[in-house]
């Protein structure tokens, strides 16, 4: 098996994750900047990507309760 040398995230779909009770899809291009005012979800995107690859939020904390949405915990 050949070692993975890199990868590219093309899109991210969230549902029941943090503030996203309903399904929300984000598409990424060759170069993507995630910018916005406080409280709009920049850290949510970072947490979701980190969770997929590492099983923890972006900050590295072990508690996963804050990642679930109370309206859609699945």
Protein backbone atom coordinates (compact mmCIF):
# COMPACT_ATOMS: atom_id res chain seq x y z
CA UNK A 1 0.00 0.00 0.00
CA UNK A 2 1.36 3.39 -0.99
CA UNK A 3 1.61 6.15 1.62
CA UNK A 4 -0.81 9.06 1.17
CA UNK A 5 1.19 12.16 0.24
CA UNK A 6 -1.66 14.65 0.28
CA UNK A 7 -5.39 15.08 -0.02
CA UNK A 8 -7.93 17.67 -1.05
CA UNK A 9 -11.25 18.34 0.66
CA UNK A 10 -13.83 19.09 -2.02
CA UNK A 11 -16.90 19.56 0.14
CA UNK A 12 -18.19 19.21 3.68
CA UNK A 13 -21.75 18.29 4.65
CA UNK A 14 -22.91 18.90 8.24
CA UNK A 15 -26.11 17.78 9.92
CA UNK A 16 -26.71 17.57 13.66
CA UNK A 17 -23.29 19.08 14.27
CA UNK A 18 -22.99 22.07 16.63
CA UNK A 19 -25.39 24.77 15.36
CA UNK A 20 -26.29 22.81 12.20
CA UNK A 21 -29.49 20.93 13.08
CA UNK A 22 -30.43 20.78 9.40
CA UNK A 23 -28.23 19.60 6.56
CA UNK A 24 -25.74 22.22 5.29
CA UNK A 25 -23.18 21.68 2.53
CA UNK A 26 -20.02 23.70 1.95
CA UNK A 27 -18.05 23.44 -1.30
CA UNK A 28 -14.34 24.16 -1.45
CA UNK A 29 -12.24 25.25 -4.42
CA UNK A 30 -8.52 25.00 -5.13
CA UNK A 31 -7.85 27.69 -2.56
CA UNK A 32 -10.44 28.35 0.11
CA UNK A 33 -10.43 31.01 2.78
CA UNK A 34 -12.96 30.76 5.59
CA UNK A 35 -13.74 34.25 6.85
CA UNK A 36 -16.63 35.92 8.61
CA UNK A 37 -17.81 37.65 11.74
CA UNK A 38 -17.92 35.94 15.12
CA UNK A 39 -20.58 33.28 15.55
CA UNK A 40 -21.02 32.42 11.85
CA UNK A 41 -19.47 28.94 11.93
CA UNK A 42 -15.78 29.20 11.02
CA UNK A 43 -14.74 27.10 14.03
CA UNK A 44 -17.55 24.65 13.29
CA UNK A 45 -15.97 23.89 9.92
CA UNK A 46 -12.55 23.43 11.55
CA UNK A 47 -14.07 21.21 14.26
CA UNK A 48 -15.83 19.04 11.68
CA UNK A 49 -12.71 18.50 9.59
CA UNK A 50 -10.60 17.76 12.68
CA UNK A 51 -13.25 15.37 14.00
CA UNK A 52 -13.30 13.38 10.75
CA UNK A 53 -9.52 12.90 10.73
CA UNK A 54 -8.66 12.85 14.45
CA UNK A 55 -11.87 12.09 16.35
CA UNK A 56 -11.53 15.28 18.38
CA UNK A 57 -12.54 18.92 17.87
CA UNK A 58 -10.02 21.36 16.33
CA UNK A 59 -8.93 22.51 19.81
CA UNK A 60 -7.99 18.92 20.68
CA UNK A 61 -10.28 18.66 23.69
CA UNK A 62 -11.67 15.21 24.52
CA UNK A 63 -15.27 16.22 25.35
CA UNK A 64 -17.45 15.67 22.29
CA UNK A 65 -20.77 16.76 23.82
CA UNK A 66 -20.44 20.30 22.47
CA UNK A 67 -20.29 18.95 18.90
CA UNK A 68 -23.85 17.54 18.99
CA UNK A 69 -26.87 19.60 18.10
CA UNK A 70 -29.65 19.25 20.70
CA UNK A 71 -32.39 19.40 18.04
CA UNK A 72 -30.74 16.72 15.89
CA UNK A 73 -28.25 14.70 18.00
CA UNK A 74 -27.79 12.00 15.33
